[in-house]
Amino acid sequence: MGISKLFGRMTKYISEAVARIFGPNDDSYPATGVQPFEGVPFEAGKNSDW
């Protein structure tokens, strides 16, 4: 394998990684927004089971 092929493969590998990191988001998560807190915070002194 020549140096030029090796350099070409390394360049392609790095450029694909950069394109994946800085490219558009391809996640399919629903846009839920901020969720309100509807619970009671944990206090260790009040729960003797813990």
N, C-alpha and C. Protein backbone atom coordinates (compact mmCIF):
# COMPACT_ATOMS: atom_id res chain seq x y z
N MET A 1 0.85 -1.17 0.00
CA MET A 1 0.00 0.00 0.00
C MET A 1 0.89 1.23 0.00
N GLY A 2 0.59 2.11 -0.90
CA GLY A 2 1.41 3.31 -1.02
C GLY A 2 1.08 4.36 0.04
N ILE A 3 2.00 5.26 0.18
CA ILE A 3 1.83 6.35 1.15
C ILE A 3 0.63 7.21 0.77
N SER A 4 0.42 7.41 -0.52
CA SER A 4 -0.70 8.26 -0.95
C SER A 4 -2.04 7.62 -0.61
N LYS A 5 -2.15 6.28 -0.75
CA LYS A 5 -3.39 5.59 -0.38
C LYS A 5 -3.62 5.65 1.12
N LEU A 6 -2.56 5.47 1.89
CA LEU A 6 -2.66 5.53 3.34
C LEU A 6 -3.09 6.93 3.79
N PHE A 7 -2.48 7.94 3.21
CA PHE A 7 -2.84 9.32 3.54
C PHE A 7 -4.28 9.61 3.15
N GLY A 8 -4.72 9.11 2.01
CA GLY A 8 -6.10 9.30 1.56
C GLY A 8 -7.10 8.63 2.49
N ARG A 9 -6.78 7.43 2.95
CA ARG A 9 -7.68 6.72 3.88
C ARG A 9 -7.76 7.44 5.22
N MET A 10 -6.62 7.94 5.71
CA MET A 10 -6.63 8.67 6.98
C MET A 10 -7.42 9.97 6.86
N THR A 11 -7.25 10.66 5.75
CA THR A 11 -7.97 11.91 5.52
C THR A 11 -9.48 11.64 5.46
N LYS A 12 -9.87 10.60 4.77
CA LYS A 12 -11.29 10.25 4.67
C LYS A 12 -11.86 9.90 6.05
N TYR A 13 -11.11 9.13 6.83
CA TYR A 13 -11.55 8.72 8.17
C TYR A 13 -11.77 9.93 9.06
N ILE A 14 -10.83 10.85 9.06
CA ILE A 14 -10.93 12.04 9.90
C ILE A 14 -12.03 12.98 9.41
N SER A 15 -12.16 13.15 8.10
CA SER A 15 -13.18 14.06 7.59
C SER A 15 -14.59 13.51 7.83
N GLU A 16 -14.78 12.19 7.78
CA GLU A 16 -16.09 11.62 8.09
C GLU A 16 -16.43 11.82 9.57
N ALA A 17 -15.44 11.70 10.45
CA ALA A 17 -15.68 11.93 11.87
C ALA A 17 -16.05 13.39 12.13
N VAL A 18 -15.36 14.31 11.50
CA VAL A 18 -15.65 15.74 11.67
C VAL A 18 -17.04 16.05 11.12
N ALA A 19 -17.40 15.47 9.99
CA ALA A 19 -18.71 15.71 9.42
C ALA A 19 -19.81 15.16 10.33
N ARG A 20 -19.57 14.04 10.97
CA ARG A 20 -20.56 13.46 11.88
C ARG A 20 -20.72 14.31 13.14
N ILE A 21 -19.62 14.83 13.66
CA ILE A 21 -19.68 15.64 14.88
C ILE A 21 -20.36 16.97 14.62
N PHE A 22 -19.98 17.66 13.55
CA PHE A 22 -20.48 19.00 13.28
C PHE A 22 -21.62 19.05 12.29
N GLY A 23 -22.10 17.90 11.84
CA GLY A 23 -23.21 17.85 10.90
C GLY A 23 -24.55 18.07 11.57
N PRO A 24 -25.63 18.05 10.80
CA PRO A 24 -26.96 18.22 11.38
C PRO A 24 -27.31 17.07 12.32
N ASN A 25 -28.17 17.37 13.27
CA ASN A 25 -28.58 16.39 14.27
C ASN A 25 -29.50 15.35 13.62
N ASP A 26 -29.19 14.07 13.79
CA ASP A 26 -30.01 13.01 13.21
C ASP A 26 -30.70 12.16 14.27
N ASP A 27 -30.82 12.70 15.48
CA ASP A 27 -31.53 11.99 16.54
C ASP A 27 -33.03 12.05 16.28
N SER A 28 -33.74 11.02 16.68
CA SER A 28 -35.19 11.01 16.47
C SER A 28 -35.93 11.11 17.80
N TYR A 29 -35.39 11.90 18.72
CA TYR A 29 -36.05 12.10 20.00
C TYR A 29 -37.19 13.10 19.84
N PRO A 30 -38.31 12.90 20.55
CA PRO A 30 -39.39 13.89 20.46
C PRO A 30 -39.00 15.17 21.20
N ALA A 31 -39.49 16.28 20.72
CA ALA A 31 -39.22 17.57 21.36
C ALA A 31 -40.19 17.73 22.53
N THR A 32 -39.74 17.41 23.73
CA THR A 32 -40.64 17.43 24.89
C THR A 32 -40.56 18.73 25.67
N GLY A 33 -39.46 19.41 25.63
CA GLY A 33 -39.32 20.64 26.37
C GLY A 33 -38.98 20.38 27.82
N VAL A 34 -39.12 21.41 28.65
CA VAL A 34 -38.78 21.32 30.06
C VAL A 34 -39.94 20.65 30.80
N GLN A 35 -39.61 19.68 31.65
CA GLN A 35 -40.62 18.98 32.43
C GLN A 35 -40.68 19.56 33.84
N PRO A 36 -41.87 19.84 34.35
CA PRO A 36 -41.97 20.39 35.71
C PRO A 36 -41.66 19.33 36.76
N PHE A 37 -41.14 19.78 37.89
CA PHE A 37 -40.85 18.88 39.00
C PHE A 37 -42.13 18.68 39.80
N GLU A 38 -42.57 17.44 39.96
CA GLU A 38 -43.83 17.17 40.66
C GLU A 38 -43.61 16.27 41.88
N GLY A 39 -42.43 16.24 42.44
CA GLY A 39 -42.17 15.36 43.56
C GLY A 39 -41.72 16.11 44.78
N VAL A 40 -41.38 15.36 45.78
CA VAL A 40 -40.89 15.92 47.03
C VAL A 40 -39.41 15.58 47.13
N PRO A 41 -38.55 16.56 47.43
CA PRO A 41 -37.13 16.27 47.52
C PRO A 41 -36.83 15.30 48.67
N PHE A 42 -35.80 14.50 48.48
CA PHE A 42 -35.40 13.51 49.47
C PHE A 42 -34.72 14.19 50.64
N GLU A 43 -35.15 13.86 51.85
CA GLU A 43 -34.50 14.35 53.06
C GLU A 43 -34.15 13.13 53.90
N ALA A 44 -32.88 12.91 54.14
CA ALA A 44 -32.42 11.70 54.82
C ALA A 44 -32.91 11.61 56.26
N GLY A 45 -33.14 12.71 56.93
CA GLY A 45 -33.57 12.69 58.32
C GLY A 45 -34.99 12.20 58.51
N LYS A 46 -35.85 12.40 57.52
CA LYS A 46 -37.24 12.02 57.67
C LYS A 46 -37.52 10.58 57.29
N ASN A 47 -36.67 9.96 56.50
CA ASN A 47 -36.86 8.56 56.08
C ASN A 47 -35.94 7.67 56.89
N SER A 48 -36.51 6.91 57.80
CA SER A 48 -35.67 6.02 58.60
C SER A 48 -35.32 4.74 57.86
N ASP A 49 -36.01 4.46 56.76
CA ASP A 49 -35.72 3.24 55.97
C ASP A 49 -34.41 3.36 55.22
N TRP A 50 -33.95 4.55 54.97
CA TRP A 50 -32.74 4.74 54.18
C TRP A 50 -31.60 4.77 55.10
